[in-house]
Amino acid sequence: MECAPAETDFVVIGAGIAGLRAAIELASAGRVVVLAKRELKDSATQGGIAAALSDEDEISLHLQDTLNDGDGLCNPEAARALVEDAPERIEELIQWGTEFGREGTKLTFGREEAHSRNRILHAHGDSTGREILRALVAKAKTLKQVSVCESEFTTDLCIEDGRVRGVHLINSSGETGHIAASSVLLASGGMGQLYCNTTNPPVATGDGVAMAFRSGAEISDMEFIQFHPTALYLKNAPRFLLSEALRGEGAYLRNLEMHRFMPKYHPMGELAPRDVVARAIL
């Protein structure tokens, strides 16, 4: 991967799925530098991706499931944009080489929490994020306007005259630098690693939110940090997420007495919304 230049049109902080997809979109408007604090292979997530693409599904059903799962806290316009845009974005990923699971030539759909239809796509088992990332990296490499710089840790946003004008960074050798840019996009992921127990990857350390806050940005909805309700516990080992795909295929949650307990908390049982499952476990 390329080294960070001194100046560019756009800087994207974060080389996960969101950051790379944004860089691909921005490439038609100017030069784009994507900054990854580690190697790209570290930026992968478990789980699947949802879209109303199967014959038994409809966008309106996906929207209603999303609003129900949000328990009155969703932004309806944002939810509608998400579900309406999802099928086209999936088709786009397929065109760019993403290999979702299939039976013959037909896509296979699983079911996860709060979904009333089978609409979850997976790739290579539970490595959907890794596969989408692979396809996006390959697509980005075909665009001359996009440069991806690995092991470049962004330490702060550069503010001049009340506007973001670039970023300060440090590389793996400890050398500091600066990139001037007309615009900076933060796509730096979550912050699960702030907590003792998390299924988030090691890179989820909240750097982007912290940088934005130090630069004067308004931070909202910080209470909405999701903890996945099911994980594999092994002593002295990182928590390993156990996806709802297991429950979507019929797995039950049982307590220490081996009693199945979820049906008394929600009519969807093991496929209830994650917050309901988490409270039931506790």
Protein backbone atom coordinates (compact mmCIF):
# COMPACT_ATOMS: atom_id res chain seq x y z
CA MET A 1 0.00 0.00 0.00
CA GLU A 2 1.04 3.57 -0.60
CA CYS A 3 2.55 6.06 1.85
CA ALA A 4 0.54 9.07 2.96
CA PRO A 5 0.98 12.17 0.74
CA ALA A 6 1.31 15.70 2.08
CA GLU A 7 -1.87 16.91 0.44
CA THR A 8 -5.05 15.54 -1.15
CA ASP A 9 -8.68 16.41 -1.85
CA PHE A 10 -10.29 13.98 0.57
CA VAL A 11 -9.09 12.02 3.58
CA VAL A 12 -11.10 9.04 4.78
CA ILE A 13 -10.16 7.91 8.29
CA GLY A 14 -10.89 4.22 8.50
CA ALA A 15 -10.43 1.44 5.96
CA GLY A 16 -13.31 -0.80 6.87
CA ILE A 17 -16.43 -1.35 4.78
CA ALA A 18 -17.81 2.17 5.36
CA GLY A 19 -14.51 3.91 4.70
CA LEU A 20 -13.66 2.03 1.51
CA ARG A 21 -17.19 2.37 0.12
CA ALA A 22 -17.03 6.11 0.77
CA ALA A 23 -13.63 6.34 -0.93
CA ILE A 24 -14.96 4.55 -4.01
CA GLU A 25 -17.84 7.03 -4.20
CA LEU A 26 -15.55 10.06 -3.71
CA ALA A 27 -13.07 8.97 -6.38
CA SER A 28 -15.08 10.64 -9.13
CA ALA A 29 -14.74 14.00 -7.34
CA GLY A 30 -11.00 14.08 -6.61
CA ARG A 31 -8.02 12.38 -4.99
CA VAL A 32 -8.84 10.25 -1.98
CA VAL A 33 -6.49 9.02 0.74
CA VAL A 34 -7.78 6.26 3.01
CA LEU A 35 -5.96 5.90 6.33
CA ALA A 36 -5.90 2.54 8.12
CA LYS A 37 -4.30 2.35 11.55
CA ARG A 38 -3.45 -1.33 10.99
CA GLU A 39 -3.22 -3.71 8.09
CA LEU A 40 -6.46 -4.14 6.19
CA LYS A 41 -6.73 -7.78 7.18
CA ASP A 42 -7.49 -6.61 10.74
CA SER A 43 -10.67 -4.84 9.65
CA ALA A 44 -13.21 -7.66 9.50
CA THR A 45 -16.49 -8.31 11.27
CA GLN A 46 -18.67 -11.32 11.88
CA GLY A 47 -22.32 -11.73 11.04
CA GLY A 48 -24.45 -11.19 7.96
CA ILE A 49 -26.00 -8.35 5.98
CA ALA A 50 -29.73 -7.81 5.50
CA ALA A 51 -31.66 -6.87 2.35
CA ALA A 52 -35.18 -7.60 1.07
CA LEU A 53 -34.10 -9.56 -1.99
CA SER A 54 -35.74 -12.96 -1.59
CA ASP A 55 -38.99 -13.90 -3.32
CA GLU A 56 -40.85 -14.05 0.01
CA ASP A 57 -39.71 -10.62 1.18
CA GLU A 58 -40.70 -6.99 0.69
CA ILE A 59 -39.00 -3.70 1.53
CA SER A 60 -42.05 -2.66 3.56
CA LEU A 61 -41.67 -5.77 5.75
CA HIS A 62 -37.96 -5.05 6.26
CA LEU A 63 -38.82 -1.48 7.27
CA GLN A 64 -41.48 -2.61 9.74
CA ASP A 65 -39.12 -5.16 11.31
CA THR A 66 -36.46 -2.46 11.66
CA LEU A 67 -38.85 0.00 13.32
CA ASN A 68 -40.19 -2.70 15.64
CA ASP A 69 -36.66 -3.69 16.63
CA GLY A 70 -35.86 -0.04 17.35
CA ASP A 71 -38.58 0.05 20.01
CA GLY A 72 -39.66 3.60 19.09
CA LEU A 73 -36.12 5.02 19.00
CA CYS A 74 -35.45 4.78 15.26
CA ASN A 75 -35.30 7.73 12.92
CA PRO A 76 -38.01 6.55 10.48
CA GLU A 77 -36.56 8.45 7.52
CA ALA A 78 -33.11 6.96 8.11
CA ALA A 79 -34.58 3.48 8.50
CA ARG A 80 -36.54 3.84 5.27
CA ALA A 81 -33.45 5.03 3.37
CA LEU A 82 -31.48 2.07 4.72
CA VAL A 83 -33.93 -0.65 3.71
CA GLU A 84 -34.86 0.91 0.37
CA ASP A 85 -31.22 1.31 -0.63
CA ALA A 86 -30.12 -2.13 0.60
CA PRO A 87 -31.04 -4.29 -2.45
CA GLU A 88 -29.19 -2.02 -4.88
CA ARG A 89 -26.12 -1.90 -2.63
CA ILE A 90 -26.06 -5.71 -2.41
CA GLU A 91 -26.32 -6.02 -6.19
CA GLU A 92 -23.46 -3.54 -6.46
CA LEU A 93 -21.29 -5.60 -4.11
CA ILE A 94 -22.03 -8.71 -6.17
CA GLN A 95 -21.00 -6.87 -9.34
CA TRP A 96 -17.73 -5.94 -7.62
CA GLY A 97 -17.00 -9.58 -6.86
CA THR A 98 -18.48 -10.25 -3.40
CA GLU A 99 -19.22 -13.96 -3.11
CA PHE A 100 -22.33 -14.39 -0.99
CA GLY A 101 -23.58 -17.85 -0.13
CA ARG A 102 -25.61 -19.61 -2.82
CA GLU A 103 -27.45 -22.82 -3.52
CA GLY A 104 -26.66 -23.38 -7.15
CA THR A 105 -27.17 -19.97 -8.76
CA LYS A 106 -29.62 -18.60 -6.16
CA LEU A 107 -28.60 -16.53 -3.16
CA THR A 108 -29.27 -18.16 0.20
CA PHE A 109 -30.90 -16.15 2.98
CA GLY A 110 -30.80 -16.83 6.70
CA ARG A 111 -32.79 -15.38 9.58
CA GLU A 112 -31.47 -13.44 12.57
CA GLU A 113 -32.89 -11.48 15.48
CA ALA A 114 -36.04 -9.39 14.95
CA HIS A 115 -36.40 -10.33 11.27
CA SER A 116 -39.74 -11.84 10.21
CA ARG A 117 -38.33 -13.18 6.94
CA ASN A 118 -35.15 -14.89 5.79
CA ARG A 119 -33.16 -11.92 4.47
CA ILE A 120 -29.66 -12.27 5.92
CA LEU A 121 -26.86 -12.90 3.43
CA HIS A 122 -23.64 -14.56 4.57
CA ALA A 123 -20.33 -15.25 2.88
CA HIS A 124 -17.93 -18.07 3.70
CA GLY A 125 -19.88 -19.01 6.81
CA ASP A 126 -19.78 -16.10 9.24
CA SER A 127 -17.01 -14.17 7.46
CA THR A 128 -19.31 -11.82 5.57
CA GLY A 129 -17.48 -8.67 6.63
CA ARG A 130 -14.13 -10.07 5.55
CA GLU A 131 -15.52 -11.03 2.13
CA ILE A 132 -17.15 -7.63 1.53
CA LEU A 133 -13.93 -5.94 2.59
CA ARG A 134 -11.94 -8.09 0.15
CA ALA A 135 -14.20 -7.05 -2.72
CA LEU A 136 -14.04 -3.37 -1.77
CA VAL A 137 -10.25 -3.42 -1.52
CA ALA A 138 -10.08 -4.99 -4.99
CA LYS A 139 -12.46 -2.36 -6.37
CA ALA A 140 -10.52 0.50 -4.74
CA LYS A 141 -7.29 -0.77 -6.29
CA THR A 142 -8.79 -0.25 -9.76
CA LEU A 143 -9.32 3.46 -9.08
CA LYS A 144 -6.27 5.66 -9.67
CA GLN A 145 -7.73 8.42 -7.52
CA VAL A 146 -7.82 6.22 -4.39
CA SER A 147 -4.75 5.56 -2.22
CA VAL A 148 -4.95 3.28 0.83
CA CYS A 149 -2.26 3.83 3.47
CA GLU A 150 -1.87 1.11 6.08
CA SER A 151 -0.39 1.50 9.58
CA GLU A 152 -1.05 5.26 9.59
CA PHE A 153 -2.70 6.22 12.87
CA THR A 154 -4.63 9.49 12.81
CA THR A 155 -4.02 11.36 16.06
CA ASP A 156 -6.14 14.48 15.50
CA LEU A 157 -7.99 16.62 13.03
CA CYS A 158 -6.28 19.80 11.86
CA ILE A 159 -8.47 22.83 12.50
CA GLU A 160 -7.86 26.19 10.80
CA ASP A 161 -10.26 29.14 10.94
CA GLY A 162 -12.96 26.96 12.44
CA ARG A 163 -12.82 24.33 9.68
CA VAL A 164 -11.22 20.90 9.35
CA ARG A 165 -8.30 21.31 6.95
CA GLY A 166 -6.57 17.96 7.27
CA VAL A 167 -5.26 15.40 9.76
CA HIS A 168 -2.25 14.76 11.97
CA LEU A 169 -0.92 11.22 12.02
CA ILE A 170 1.81 8.88 13.21
CA ASN A 171 3.09 5.79 11.42
CA SER A 172 4.24 2.42 12.75
CA SER A 173 7.82 3.72 13.01
CA GLY A 174 6.76 6.56 15.30
CA GLU A 175 7.20 9.26 12.66
CA THR A 176 4.64 12.05 12.74
CA GLY A 177 3.12 13.74 9.74
CA HIS A 178 0.30 15.87 8.39
CA ILE A 179 -2.03 15.61 5.40
CA ALA A 180 -3.79 18.73 4.14
CA ALA A 181 -7.25 18.09 2.67
CA SER A 182 -10.35 20.01 1.66
CA SER A 183 -12.59 17.49 3.43
CA VAL A 184 -12.18 14.72 6.00
CA LEU A 185 -14.61 11.83 6.45
CA LEU A 186 -14.64 9.86 9.69
CA ALA A 187 -15.38 6.15 9.20
CA SER A 188 -13.33 4.82 12.08
CA GLY A 189 -15.72 2.29 13.58
CA GLY A 190 -16.94 1.63 17.10
CA MET A 191 -15.53 1.74 20.59
CA GLY A 192 -16.20 -1.65 22.15
CA GLN A 193 -12.62 -1.93 23.39
CA LEU A 194 -13.36 0.78 25.97
CA TYR A 195 -15.09 -1.99 27.93
CA CYS A 196 -13.64 -5.02 29.69
CA ASN A 197 -15.95 -7.40 27.86
CA THR A 198 -16.70 -6.96 24.17
CA THR A 199 -16.98 -8.99 20.98
CA ASN A 200 -15.74 -6.00 18.98
CA PRO A 201 -12.42 -6.37 17.12
CA PRO A 202 -9.22 -4.93 18.65
CA VAL A 203 -9.37 -1.91 16.31
CA ALA A 204 -12.68 -0.67 17.81
CA THR A 205 -11.17 1.89 20.19
CA GLY A 206 -13.31 4.98 19.53
CA ASP A 207 -10.55 7.10 17.96
CA GLY A 208 -12.82 8.89 15.50
CA VAL A 209 -15.39 9.92 18.10
CA ALA A 210 -12.62 11.19 20.38
CA MET A 211 -11.03 13.23 17.57
CA ALA A 212 -14.37 14.73 16.61
CA PHE A 213 -15.14 15.64 20.23
CA ARG A 214 -11.73 17.30 20.73
CA SER A 215 -12.34 19.30 17.56
CA GLY A 216 -15.64 20.68 18.81
CA ALA A 217 -18.13 18.39 17.07
CA GLU A 218 -21.45 17.66 18.75
CA ILE A 219 -21.58 14.03 19.86
CA SER A 220 -24.99 12.39 20.17
CA ASP A 221 -26.54 9.01 21.01
CA MET A 222 -23.50 7.78 22.90
CA GLU A 223 -25.76 5.63 25.08
CA PHE A 224 -26.49 3.39 22.07
CA ILE A 225 -23.49 1.10 22.36
CA GLN A 226 -24.62 -2.41 21.59
CA PHE A 227 -23.33 -5.45 23.41
CA HIS A 228 -23.98 -8.69 21.58
CA PRO A 229 -25.94 -10.96 23.94
CA THR A 230 -24.21 -14.24 23.04
CA ALA A 231 -20.50 -14.99 23.00
CA LEU A 232 -18.13 -17.89 23.59
CA TYR A 233 -16.28 -17.58 26.90
CA LEU A 234 -12.85 -19.14 27.19
CA LYS A 235 -10.56 -18.15 30.05
CA ASN A 236 -7.78 -15.72 29.05
CA ALA A 237 -9.09 -15.51 25.47
CA PRO A 238 -10.90 -12.73 23.58
CA ARG A 239 -14.68 -13.00 23.53
CA PHE A 240 -15.87 -14.71 20.34
CA LEU A 241 -19.23 -13.58 19.01
CA LEU A 242 -21.85 -16.31 18.56
CA SER A 243 -24.02 -14.98 15.76
CA GLU A 244 -27.82 -15.03 15.68
CA ALA A 245 -27.36 -17.21 12.61
CA LEU A 246 -27.08 -20.10 15.07
CA ARG A 247 -30.48 -19.27 16.54
CA GLY A 248 -31.84 -18.54 13.10
CA GLU A 249 -31.07 -22.15 12.24
CA GLY A 250 -32.92 -23.39 15.33
CA ALA A 251 -30.47 -23.17 18.25
CA TYR A 252 -31.98 -22.55 21.71
CA LEU A 253 -30.74 -20.48 24.62
CA ARG A 254 -30.79 -22.42 27.90
CA ASN A 255 -29.95 -21.45 31.49
CA LEU A 256 -27.75 -23.34 33.97
CA GLU A 257 -30.64 -25.73 34.66
CA MET A 258 -30.81 -26.36 30.88
CA HIS A 259 -34.25 -24.76 30.70
CA ARG A 260 -35.15 -22.80 27.57
CA PHE A 261 -36.14 -19.36 28.86
CA MET A 262 -36.62 -16.91 25.95
CA PRO A 263 -40.28 -17.76 25.07
CA LYS A 264 -41.48 -16.26 28.37
CA TYR A 265 -39.83 -12.92 27.54
CA HIS A 266 -40.80 -12.44 23.87
CA PRO A 267 -43.05 -14.14 21.28
CA MET A 268 -40.08 -14.43 18.88
CA GLY A 269 -38.17 -16.45 21.46
CA GLU A 270 -34.46 -16.73 20.65
CA LEU A 271 -34.91 -14.37 17.69
CA ALA A 272 -36.17 -11.49 19.83
CA PRO A 273 -34.37 -8.12 19.53
CA ARG A 274 -30.88 -8.14 21.04
CA ASP A 275 -31.73 -5.79 23.90
CA VAL A 276 -34.55 -8.11 24.95
CA VAL A 277 -32.28 -11.16 24.78
CA ALA A 278 -29.55 -9.39 26.76
CA ARG A 279 -31.99 -8.38 29.53
CA ALA A 280 -33.44 -11.89 29.65
CA ILE A 281 -29.98 -13.41 30.07
CA LEU A 282 -29.15 -10.98 32.89
